[in-house]
Amino acid sequence: MEDKEYKQWERQVEKVKKHNEQLLIEFQQWLKKQSLKPKTINNHVDNMRFYANEFLLRYDIIPIEKGTTEIGSYLGDFFIRKTS
């Protein structure tokens, strides 16, 4: 990948990360309304952030809301290798 292409890719990744972060904030607010403990909320949000920003953006630029079809690959392979 050339330098120009890489910089364009980086900009796209940052744009999607910002978008993902907004959705994660909304998710966190929803979890608070469910009366969950702060530690539980943080664990869920951190797990989603890892999925969105480490897995979905690793091989392709996939926004979190479009990444539902990738959950099998994540749980069946990536998560096991990266968290063990």
PDB file of N, CA and C in Angstrom:
ATOM      1  N   MET A   1       0.841  -1.172   0.000  1.00  0.00           N
ATOM      2  CA  MET A   1       0.000   0.000   0.000  1.00  0.00           C
ATOM      3  C   MET A   1       0.892   1.242   0.000  1.00  0.00           C
ATOM      4  N   GLU A   2       0.620   2.136  -0.896  1.00  0.00           N
ATOM      5  CA  GLU A   2       1.410   3.360  -0.986  1.00  0.00           C
ATOM      6  C   GLU A   2       1.049   4.307   0.160  1.00  0.00           C
ATOM      7  N   ASP A   3       1.940   5.256   0.386  1.00  0.00           N
ATOM      8  CA  ASP A   3       1.759   6.201   1.487  1.00  0.00           C
ATOM      9  C   ASP A   3       0.433   6.949   1.389  1.00  0.00           C
ATOM     10  N   LYS A   4       0.085   7.390   0.198  1.00  0.00           N
ATOM     11  CA  LYS A   4      -1.165   8.127  -0.011  1.00  0.00           C
ATOM     12  C   LYS A   4      -2.373   7.241   0.296  1.00  0.00           C
ATOM     13  N   GLU A   5      -2.334   6.005  -0.174  1.00  0.00           N
ATOM     14  CA  GLU A   5      -3.417   5.058   0.090  1.00  0.00           C
ATOM     15  C   GLU A   5      -3.526   4.762   1.585  1.00  0.00           C
ATOM     16  N   TYR A   6      -2.377   4.617   2.227  1.00  0.00           N
ATOM     17  CA  TYR A   6      -2.370   4.329   3.659  1.00  0.00           C
ATOM     18  C   TYR A   6      -2.986   5.481   4.440  1.00  0.00           C
ATOM     19  N   LYS A   7      -2.642   6.701   4.095  1.00  0.00           N
ATOM     20  CA  LYS A   7      -3.201   7.859   4.796  1.00  0.00           C
ATOM     21  C   LYS A   7      -4.712   7.951   4.588  1.00  0.00           C
ATOM     22  N   GLN A   8      -5.165   7.630   3.386  1.00  0.00           N
ATOM     23  CA  GLN A   8      -6.600   7.627   3.114  1.00  0.00           C
ATOM     24  C   GLN A   8      -7.276   6.537   3.942  1.00  0.00           C
ATOM     25  N   TRP A   9      -6.666   5.364   3.997  1.00  0.00           N
ATOM     26  CA  TRP A   9      -7.193   4.267   4.810  1.00  0.00           C
ATOM     27  C   TRP A   9      -7.265   4.680   6.279  1.00  0.00           C
ATOM     28  N   GLU A  10      -6.206   5.317   6.791  1.00  0.00           N
ATOM     29  CA  GLU A  10      -6.194   5.782   8.186  1.00  0.00           C
ATOM     30  C   GLU A  10      -7.333   6.758   8.460  1.00  0.00           C
ATOM     31  N   ARG A  11      -7.587   7.686   7.541  1.00  0.00           N
ATOM     32  CA  ARG A  11      -8.674   8.652   7.709  1.00  0.00           C
ATOM     33  C   ARG A  11     -10.021   7.940   7.768  1.00  0.00           C
ATOM     34  N   GLN A  12     -10.199   6.948   6.908  1.00  0.00           N
ATOM     35  CA  GLN A  12     -11.451   6.193   6.907  1.00  0.00           C
ATOM     36  C   GLN A  12     -11.630   5.430   8.218  1.00  0.00           C
ATOM     37  N   VAL A  13     -10.553   4.836   8.702  1.00  0.00           N
ATOM     38  CA  VAL A  13     -10.603   4.098   9.962  1.00  0.00           C
ATOM     39  C   VAL A  13     -10.969   5.040  11.105  1.00  0.00           C
ATOM     40  N   GLU A  14     -10.356   6.196  11.153  1.00  0.00           N
ATOM     41  CA  GLU A  14     -10.653   7.163  12.220  1.00  0.00           C
ATOM     42  C   GLU A  14     -12.102   7.629  12.159  1.00  0.00           C
ATOM     43  N   LYS A  15     -12.610   7.829  10.958  1.00  0.00           N
ATOM     44  CA  LYS A  15     -14.006   8.234  10.787  1.00  0.00           C
ATOM     45  C   LYS A  15     -14.942   7.166  11.344  1.00  0.00           C
ATOM     46  N   VAL A  16     -14.663   5.909  11.019  1.00  0.00           N
ATOM     47  CA  VAL A  16     -15.503   4.812  11.511  1.00  0.00           C
ATOM     48  C   VAL A  16     -15.347   4.657  13.022  1.00  0.00           C
ATOM     49  N   LYS A  17     -14.142   4.840  13.559  1.00  0.00           N
ATOM     50  CA  LYS A  17     -13.950   4.755  15.013  1.00  0.00           C
ATOM     51  C   LYS A  17     -14.783   5.810  15.735  1.00  0.00           C
ATOM     52  N   LYS A  18     -14.828   7.018  15.202  1.00  0.00           N
ATOM     53  CA  LYS A  18     -15.646   8.076  15.812  1.00  0.00           C
ATOM     54  C   LYS A  18     -17.121   7.701  15.759  1.00  0.00           C
ATOM     55  N   HIS A  19     -17.545   7.175  14.636  1.00  0.00           N
ATOM     56  CA  HIS A  19     -18.930   6.720  14.485  1.00  0.00           C
ATOM     57  C   HIS A  19     -19.225   5.606  15.495  1.00  0.00           C
ATOM     58  N   ASN A  20     -18.333   4.635  15.580  1.00  0.00           N
ATOM     59  CA  ASN A  20     -18.497   3.535  16.533  1.00  0.00           C
ATOM     60  C   ASN A  20     -18.583   4.057  17.956  1.00  0.00           C
ATOM     61  N   GLU A  21     -17.752   5.030  18.279  1.00  0.00           N
ATOM     62  CA  GLU A  21     -17.725   5.570  19.647  1.00  0.00           C
ATOM     63  C   GLU A  21     -19.068   6.209  20.002  1.00  0.00           C
ATOM     64  N   GLN A  22     -19.669   6.888  19.056  1.00  0.00           N
ATOM     65  CA  GLN A  22     -20.995   7.473  19.307  1.00  0.00           C
ATOM     66  C   GLN A  22     -22.017   6.382  19.592  1.00  0.00           C
ATOM     67  N   LEU A  23     -21.972   5.314  18.827  1.00  0.00           N
ATOM     68  CA  LEU A  23     -22.891   4.196  19.071  1.00  0.00           C
ATOM     69  C   LEU A  23     -22.609   3.524  20.413  1.00  0.00           C
ATOM     70  N   LEU A  24     -21.358   3.444  20.787  1.00  0.00           N
ATOM     71  CA  LEU A  24     -21.005   2.856  22.083  1.00  0.00           C
ATOM     72  C   LEU A  24     -21.505   3.717  23.240  1.00  0.00           C
ATOM     73  N   ILE A  25     -21.479   5.023  23.063  1.00  0.00           N
ATOM     74  CA  ILE A  25     -22.024   5.927  24.085  1.00  0.00           C
ATOM     75  C   ILE A  25     -23.524   5.696  24.239  1.00  0.00           C
ATOM     76  N   GLU A  26     -24.210   5.561  23.122  1.00  0.00           N
ATOM     77  CA  GLU A  26     -25.647   5.274  23.160  1.00  0.00           C
ATOM     78  C   GLU A  26     -25.920   3.923  23.815  1.00  0.00           C
ATOM     79  N   PHE A  27     -25.099   2.939  23.504  1.00  0.00           N
ATOM     80  CA  PHE A  27     -25.221   1.609  24.116  1.00  0.00           C
ATOM     81  C   PHE A  27     -25.014   1.710  25.628  1.00  0.00           C
ATOM     82  N   GLN A  28     -24.010   2.457  26.033  1.00  0.00           N
ATOM     83  CA  GLN A  28     -23.731   2.644  27.455  1.00  0.00           C
ATOM     84  C   GLN A  28     -24.925   3.306  28.156  1.00  0.00           C
ATOM     85  N   GLN A  29     -25.494   4.305  27.556  1.00  0.00           N
ATOM     86  CA  GLN A  29     -26.665   4.969  28.135  1.00  0.00           C
ATOM     87  C   GLN A  29     -27.842   4.009  28.247  1.00  0.00           C
ATOM     88  N   TRP A  30     -28.038   3.183  27.231  1.00  0.00           N
ATOM     89  CA  TRP A  30     -29.110   2.198  27.276  1.00  0.00           C
ATOM     90  C   TRP A  30     -28.881   1.200  28.412  1.00  0.00           C
ATOM     91  N   LEU A  31     -27.635   0.754  28.574  1.00  0.00           N
ATOM     92  CA  LEU A  31     -27.321  -0.188  29.653  1.00  0.00           C
ATOM     93  C   LEU A  31     -27.581   0.436  31.017  1.00  0.00           C
ATOM     94  N   LYS A  32     -27.286   1.722  31.163  1.00  0.00           N
ATOM     95  CA  LYS A  32     -27.555   2.411  32.435  1.00  0.00           C
ATOM     96  C   LYS A  32     -29.045   2.407  32.750  1.00  0.00           C
ATOM     97  N   LYS A  33     -29.868   2.583  31.724  1.00  0.00           N
ATOM     98  CA  LYS A  33     -31.324   2.573  31.922  1.00  0.00           C
ATOM     99  C   LYS A  33     -31.828   1.195  32.333  1.00  0.00           C
ATOM    100  N   GLN A  34     -31.032   0.165  32.070  1.00  0.00           N
ATOM    101  CA  GLN A  34     -31.407  -1.201  32.445  1.00  0.00           C
ATOM    102  C   GLN A  34     -31.019  -1.506  33.890  1.00  0.00           C
ATOM    103  N   SER A  35     -30.484  -0.505  34.581  1.00  0.00           N
ATOM    104  CA  SER A  35     -30.101  -0.609  35.999  1.00  0.00           C
ATOM    105  C   SER A  35     -28.978  -1.608  36.245  1.00  0.00           C
ATOM    106  N   LEU A  36     -28.070  -1.712  35.299  1.00  0.00           N
ATOM    107  CA  LEU A  36     -26.903  -2.574  35.496  1.00  0.00           C
ATOM    108  C   LEU A  36     -25.860  -1.842  36.339  1.00  0.00           C
ATOM    109  N   LYS A  37     -25.017  -2.605  36.978  1.00  0.00           N
ATOM    110  CA  LYS A  37     -23.937  -2.020  37.774  1.00  0.00           C
ATOM    111  C   LYS A  37     -22.897  -1.401  36.845  1.00  0.00           C
ATOM    112  N   PRO A  38     -22.235  -0.341  37.309  1.00  0.00           N
ATOM    113  CA  PRO A  38     -21.230   0.326  36.465  1.00  0.00           C
ATOM    114  C   PRO A  38     -20.151  -0.615  35.936  1.00  0.00           C
ATOM    115  N   LYS A  39     -19.695  -1.555  36.747  1.00  0.00           N
ATOM    116  CA  LYS A  39     -18.660  -2.486  36.302  1.00  0.00           C
ATOM    117  C   LYS A  39     -19.171  -3.352  35.147  1.00  0.00           C
ATOM    118  N   THR A  40     -20.406  -3.803  35.240  1.00  0.00           N
ATOM    119  CA  THR A  40     -21.008  -4.617  34.181  1.00  0.00           C
ATOM    120  C   THR A  40     -21.147  -3.801  32.897  1.00  0.00           C
ATOM    121  N   ILE A  41     -21.601  -2.571  33.043  1.00  0.00           N
ATOM    122  CA  ILE A  41     -21.739  -1.675  31.891  1.00  0.00           C
ATOM    123  C   ILE A  41     -20.391  -1.482  31.218  1.00  0.00           C
ATOM    124  N   ASN A  42     -19.372  -1.175  31.999  1.00  0.00           N
ATOM    125  CA  ASN A  42     -18.032  -0.957  31.443  1.00  0.00           C
ATOM    126  C   ASN A  42     -17.504  -2.199  30.741  1.00  0.00           C
ATOM    127  N   ASN A  43     -17.746  -3.364  31.312  1.00  0.00           N
ATOM    128  CA  ASN A  43     -17.301  -4.616  30.676  1.00  0.00           C
ATOM    129  C   ASN A  43     -17.970  -4.806  29.321  1.00  0.00           C
ATOM    130  N   HIS A  44     -19.278  -4.591  29.259  1.00  0.00           N
ATOM    131  CA  HIS A  44     -19.999  -4.755  27.994  1.00  0.00           C
ATOM    132  C   HIS A  44     -19.516  -3.749  26.948  1.00  0.00           C
ATOM    133  N   VAL A  45     -19.355  -2.511  27.348  1.00  0.00           N
ATOM    134  CA  VAL A  45     -18.917  -1.475  26.405  1.00  0.00           C
ATOM    135  C   VAL A  45     -17.484  -1.750  25.946  1.00  0.00           C
ATOM    136  N   ASP A  46     -16.617  -2.136  26.863  1.00  0.00           N
ATOM    137  CA  ASP A  46     -15.232  -2.451  26.489  1.00  0.00           C
ATOM    138  C   ASP A  46     -15.165  -3.637  25.529  1.00  0.00           C
ATOM    139  N   ASN A  47     -15.996  -4.655  25.766  1.00  0.00           N
ATOM    140  CA  ASN A  47     -16.032  -5.809  24.861  1.00  0.00           C
ATOM    141  C   ASN A  47     -16.497  -5.398  23.469  1.00  0.00           C
ATOM    142  N   MET A  48     -17.506  -4.563  23.396  1.00  0.00           N
ATOM    143  CA  MET A  48     -17.996  -4.084  22.103  1.00  0.00           C
ATOM    144  C   MET A  48     -16.956  -3.199  21.414  1.00  0.00           C
ATOM    145  N   ARG A  49     -16.255  -2.381  22.184  1.00  0.00           N
ATOM    146  CA  ARG A  49     -15.214  -1.510  21.614  1.00  0.00           C
ATOM    147  C   ARG A  49     -14.092  -2.357  21.020  1.00  0.00           C
ATOM    148  N   PHE A  50     -13.692  -3.416  21.717  1.00  0.00           N
ATOM    149  CA  PHE A  50     -12.656  -4.307  21.215  1.00  0.00           C
ATOM    150  C   PHE A  50     -13.114  -4.964  19.908  1.00  0.00           C
ATOM    151  N   TYR A  51     -14.341  -5.454  19.900  1.00  0.00           N
ATOM    152  CA  TYR A  51     -14.894  -6.084  18.698  1.00  0.00           C
ATOM    153  C   TYR A  51     -14.915  -5.089  17.536  1.00  0.00           C
ATOM    154  N   ALA A  52     -15.400  -3.887  17.805  1.00  0.00           N
ATOM    155  CA  ALA A  52     -15.568  -2.885  16.749  1.00  0.00           C
ATOM    156  C   ALA A  52     -14.233  -2.359  16.228  1.00  0.00           C
ATOM    157  N   ASN A  53     -13.332  -2.043  17.129  1.00  0.00           N
ATOM    158  CA  ASN A  53     -12.113  -1.342  16.714  1.00  0.00           C
ATOM    159  C   ASN A  53     -10.906  -2.242  16.482  1.00  0.00           C
ATOM    160  N   GLU A  54     -10.897  -3.414  17.071  1.00  0.00           N
ATOM    161  CA  GLU A  54      -9.765  -4.318  16.861  1.00  0.00           C
ATOM    162  C   GLU A  54     -10.068  -5.386  15.804  1.00  0.00           C
ATOM    163  N   PHE A  55     -11.281  -5.870  15.785  1.00  0.00           N
ATOM    164  CA  PHE A  55     -11.619  -6.929  14.830  1.00  0.00           C
ATOM    165  C   PHE A  55     -12.216  -6.372  13.540  1.00  0.00           C
ATOM    166  N   LEU A  56     -13.279  -5.603  13.647  1.00  0.00           N
ATOM    167  CA  LEU A  56     -13.970  -5.135  12.445  1.00  0.00           C
ATOM    168  C   LEU A  56     -13.129  -4.191  11.596  1.00  0.00           C
ATOM    169  N   LEU A  57     -12.158  -3.539  12.191  1.00  0.00           N
ATOM    170  CA  LEU A  57     -11.315  -2.623  11.425  1.00  0.00           C
ATOM    171  C   LEU A  57      -9.964  -3.217  11.066  1.00  0.00           C
ATOM    172  N   ARG A  58      -9.729  -4.455  11.427  1.00  0.00           N
ATOM    173  CA  ARG A  58      -8.429  -5.071  11.160  1.00  0.00           C
ATOM    174  C   ARG A  58      -8.241  -5.439   9.686  1.00  0.00           C
ATOM    175  N   TYR A  59      -9.212  -6.069   9.083  1.00  0.00           N
ATOM    176  CA  TYR A  59      -9.075  -6.566   7.722  1.00  0.00           C
ATOM    177  C   TYR A  59      -9.851  -5.745   6.701  1.00  0.00           C
ATOM    178  N   ASP A  60     -10.855  -5.068   7.173  1.00  0.00           N
ATOM    179  CA  ASP A  60     -11.700  -4.259   6.313  1.00  0.00           C
ATOM    180  C   ASP A  60     -12.274  -3.149   7.182  1.00  0.00           C
ATOM    181  N   ILE A  61     -12.832  -2.144   6.590  1.00  0.00           N
ATOM    182  CA  ILE A  61     -13.422  -1.056   7.356  1.00  0.00           C
ATOM    183  C   ILE A  61     -14.919  -1.315   7.443  1.00  0.00           C
ATOM    184  N   ILE A  62     -15.336  -1.908   8.570  1.00  0.00           N
ATOM    185  CA  ILE A  62     -16.728  -2.284   8.766  1.00  0.00           C
ATOM    186  C   ILE A  62     -17.263  -1.546   9.990  1.00  0.00           C
ATOM    187  N   PRO A  63     -18.261  -0.693   9.823  1.00  0.00           N
ATOM    188  CA  PRO A  63     -18.878  -0.036  10.982  1.00  0.00           C
ATOM    189  C   PRO A  63     -19.536  -1.071  11.893  1.00  0.00           C
ATOM    190  N   ILE A  64     -19.621  -0.749  13.147  1.00  0.00           N
ATOM    191  CA  ILE A  64     -20.110  -1.698  14.142  1.00  0.00           C
ATOM    192  C   ILE A  64     -21.502  -2.234  13.808  1.00  0.00           C
ATOM    193  N   GLU A  65     -22.394  -1.394  13.299  1.00  0.00           N
ATOM    194  CA  GLU A  65     -23.759  -1.861  13.034  1.00  0.00           C
ATOM    195  C   GLU A  65     -23.829  -2.806  11.836  1.00  0.00           C
ATOM    196  N   LYS A  66     -22.788  -2.854  11.027  1.00  0.00           N
ATOM    197  CA  LYS A  66     -22.762  -3.782   9.893  1.00  0.00           C
ATOM    198  C   LYS A  66     -21.919  -5.017  10.196  1.00  0.00           C
ATOM    199  N   GLY A  67     -21.388  -5.101  11.397  1.00  0.00           N
ATOM    200  CA  GLY A  67     -20.493  -6.194  11.750  1.00  0.00           C
ATOM    201  C   GLY A  67     -21.155  -7.400  12.361  1.00  0.00           C
ATOM    202  N   THR A  68     -22.477  -7.415  12.385  1.00  0.00           N
ATOM    203  CA  THR A  68     -23.162  -8.546  13.019  1.00  0.00           C
ATOM    204  C   THR A  68     -22.919  -9.863  12.297  1.00  0.00           C
ATOM    205  N   THR A  69     -22.676  -9.815  11.007  1.00  0.00           N
ATOM    206  CA  THR A  69     -22.457 -11.048  10.258  1.00  0.00           C
ATOM    207  C   THR A  69     -21.065 -11.636  10.513  1.00  0.00           C
ATOM    208  N   GLU A  70     -20.208 -10.880  11.158  1.00  0.00           N
ATOM    209  CA  GLU A  70     -18.836 -11.318  11.406  1.00  0.00           C
ATOM    210  C   GLU A  70     -18.632 -11.929  12.794  1.00  0.00           C
ATOM    211  N   ILE A  71     -19.679 -11.963  13.605  1.00  0.00           N
ATOM    212  CA  ILE A  71     -19.523 -12.385  15.002  1.00  0.00           C
ATOM    213  C   ILE A  71     -19.028 -13.830  15.119  1.00  0.00           C
ATOM    214  N   GLY A  72     -19.404 -14.703  14.194  1.00  0.00           N
ATOM    215  CA  GLY A  72     -18.939 -16.093  14.227  1.00  0.00           C
ATOM    216  C   GLY A  72     -17.437 -16.198  14.067  1.00  0.00           C
ATOM    217  N   SER A  73     -16.882 -15.459  13.128  1.00  0.00           N
ATOM    218  CA  SER A  73     -15.425 -15.447  12.930  1.00  0.00           C
ATOM    219  C   SER A  73     -14.718 -14.864  14.140  1.00  0.00           C
ATOM    220  N   TYR A  74     -15.327 -13.856  14.713  1.00  0.00           N
ATOM    221  CA  TYR A  74     -14.738 -13.207  15.886  1.00  0.00           C
ATOM    222  C   TYR A  74     -14.683 -14.161  17.080  1.00  0.00           C
ATOM    223  N   LEU A  75     -15.816 -14.735  17.422  1.00  0.00           N
ATOM    224  CA  LEU A  75     -15.865 -15.608  18.601  1.00  0.00           C
ATOM    225  C   LEU A  75     -15.197 -16.955  18.363  1.00  0.00           C
ATOM    226  N   GLY A  76     -15.262 -17.452  17.135  1.00  0.00           N
ATOM    227  CA  GLY A  76     -14.725 -18.773  16.838  1.00  0.00           C
ATOM    228  C   GLY A  76     -13.229 -18.809  16.590  1.00  0.00           C
ATOM    229  N   ASP A  77     -12.620 -17.646  16.368  1.00  0.00           N
ATOM    230  CA  ASP A  77     -11.189 -17.641  16.038  1.00  0.00           C
ATOM    231  C   ASP A  77     -10.458 -16.448  16.664  1.00  0.00           C
ATOM    232  N   PHE A  78     -10.774 -15.277  16.214  1.00  0.00           N
ATOM    233  CA  PHE A  78     -10.025 -14.077  16.594  1.00  0.00           C
ATOM    234  C   PHE A  78      -9.998 -13.857  18.107  1.00  0.00           C
ATOM    235  N   PHE A  79     -11.159 -13.877  18.742  1.00  0.00           N
ATOM    236  CA  PHE A  79     -11.249 -13.617  20.180  1.00  0.00           C
ATOM    237  C   PHE A  79     -10.414 -14.622  20.971  1.00  0.00           C
ATOM    238  N   ILE A  80     -10.487 -15.875  20.566  1.00  0.00           N
ATOM    239  CA  ILE A  80      -9.742 -16.927  21.274  1.00  0.00           C
ATOM    240  C   ILE A  80      -8.232 -16.680  21.145  1.00  0.00           C
ATOM    241  N   ARG A  81      -7.760 -16.373  19.949  1.00  0.00           N
ATOM    242  CA  ARG A  81      -6.342 -16.163  19.742  1.00  0.00           C
ATOM    243  C   ARG A  81      -5.829 -14.898  20.424  1.00  0.00           C
ATOM    244  N   LYS A  82      -6.620 -13.833  20.409  1.00  0.00           N
ATOM    245  CA  LYS A  82      -6.138 -12.542  20.904  1.00  0.00           C
ATOM    246  C   LYS A  82      -6.312 -12.368  22.410  1.00  0.00           C
ATOM    247  N   THR A  83      -7.177 -13.122  23.032  1.00  0.00           N
ATOM    248  CA  THR A  83      -7.414 -12.920  24.457  1.00  0.00           C
ATOM    249  C   THR A  83      -6.920 -14.067  25.328  1.00  0.00           C
ATOM    250  N   SER A  84      -6.423 -15.119  24.705  1.00  0.00           N
ATOM    251  CA  SER A  84      -5.924 -16.269  25.506  1.00  0.00           C
ATOM    252  C   SER A  84      -4.518 -16.021  25.992  1.00  0.00           C
TER     253      SER A  84
END
